[in-house]
Amino acid sequence: MPGIYLREGDSFEAAIKKFKKQCEKAGILSEIRKRESYEKPSVKKKKKAQAARKRLTKKQRPFKFSSY
């Protein structure tokens, strides 16, 4: 769990900024979004395959037009 320590002269805004950065680095927000609702294993598998296809097309995109 991320935590911060404030010194005497630190501002509240700076403390919040540090805390948000630590939470983002620890992956807390993404974990919360992932756990908000149950996702069936078949849906997970489908999304994973779709993401793989998308990555592959993005990777091959520059080579598509380079045959001049």
Protein backbone atom coordinates (compact mmCIF):
# COMPACT_ATOMS: atom_id res chain seq x y z
CA MET A 1 0.00 0.00 0.00
CA PRO A 2 1.47 3.35 -1.02
CA GLY A 3 2.10 5.86 1.70
CA ILE A 4 3.81 9.21 1.96
CA TYR A 5 5.43 11.13 4.77
CA LEU A 6 4.96 14.87 4.98
CA ARG A 7 7.63 17.24 6.18
CA GLU A 8 6.89 20.48 7.96
CA GLY A 9 6.85 22.68 4.85
CA ASP A 10 5.21 20.31 2.34
CA SER A 11 1.98 21.42 0.73
CA PHE A 12 -1.16 19.33 0.56
CA GLU A 13 -1.22 19.46 -3.26
CA ALA A 14 2.31 18.09 -3.47
CA ALA A 15 1.39 15.28 -1.07
CA ILE A 16 -1.63 14.30 -3.16
CA LYS A 17 0.51 14.38 -6.31
CA LYS A 18 3.09 12.06 -4.71
CA PHE A 19 0.38 9.70 -3.47
CA LYS A 20 -1.31 9.51 -6.88
CA LYS A 21 2.03 8.79 -8.54
CA GLN A 22 2.74 5.97 -6.07
CA CYS A 23 -0.74 4.49 -6.60
CA GLU A 24 -0.27 4.60 -10.38
CA LYS A 25 3.15 2.96 -10.10
CA ALA A 26 1.75 0.21 -7.85
CA GLY A 27 -1.10 -0.45 -10.32
CA ILE A 28 -3.89 0.04 -7.80
CA LEU A 29 -6.31 1.86 -10.10
CA SER A 30 -5.99 -0.69 -12.87
CA GLU A 31 -6.56 -3.48 -10.35
CA ILE A 32 -9.70 -1.76 -9.04
CA ARG A 33 -11.09 -1.32 -12.55
CA LYS A 34 -10.34 -4.96 -13.31
CA ARG A 35 -12.16 -6.16 -10.18
CA GLU A 36 -15.22 -3.90 -10.53
CA SER A 37 -17.20 -6.59 -12.29
CA TYR A 38 -16.74 -10.28 -12.97
CA GLU A 39 -15.53 -11.21 -16.41
CA LYS A 40 -16.12 -14.74 -17.64
CA PRO A 41 -13.04 -16.71 -18.68
CA SER A 42 -14.37 -17.03 -22.24
CA VAL A 43 -14.71 -13.25 -22.49
CA LYS A 44 -11.18 -12.80 -21.12
CA LYS A 45 -9.83 -15.22 -23.71
CA LYS A 46 -11.72 -13.42 -26.50
CA LYS A 47 -10.36 -10.02 -25.43
CA LYS A 48 -6.84 -11.40 -25.18
CA ALA A 49 -7.02 -12.84 -28.71
CA GLN A 50 -8.46 -9.60 -30.03
CA ALA A 51 -5.65 -7.58 -28.44
CA ALA A 52 -3.08 -9.95 -29.94
CA ARG A 53 -4.60 -9.50 -33.41
CA LYS A 54 -4.57 -5.73 -32.97
CA ARG A 55 -0.90 -5.77 -31.90
CA LEU A 56 0.00 -7.91 -34.89
CA THR A 57 -1.73 -5.59 -37.37
CA LYS A 58 -0.05 -2.56 -35.78
CA LYS A 59 3.32 -4.29 -35.98
CA GLN A 60 2.86 -5.17 -39.66
CA ARG A 61 1.47 -1.78 -40.68
CA PRO A 62 4.82 -0.10 -41.56
CA PHE A 63 5.81 -3.03 -43.78
CA LYS A 64 2.55 -2.94 -45.72
CA PHE A 65 3.49 0.08 -47.85
CA SER A 66 7.27 -0.32 -47.97
CA SER A 67 7.32 -2.46 -51.14
CA TYR A 68 8.01 0.42 -53.54
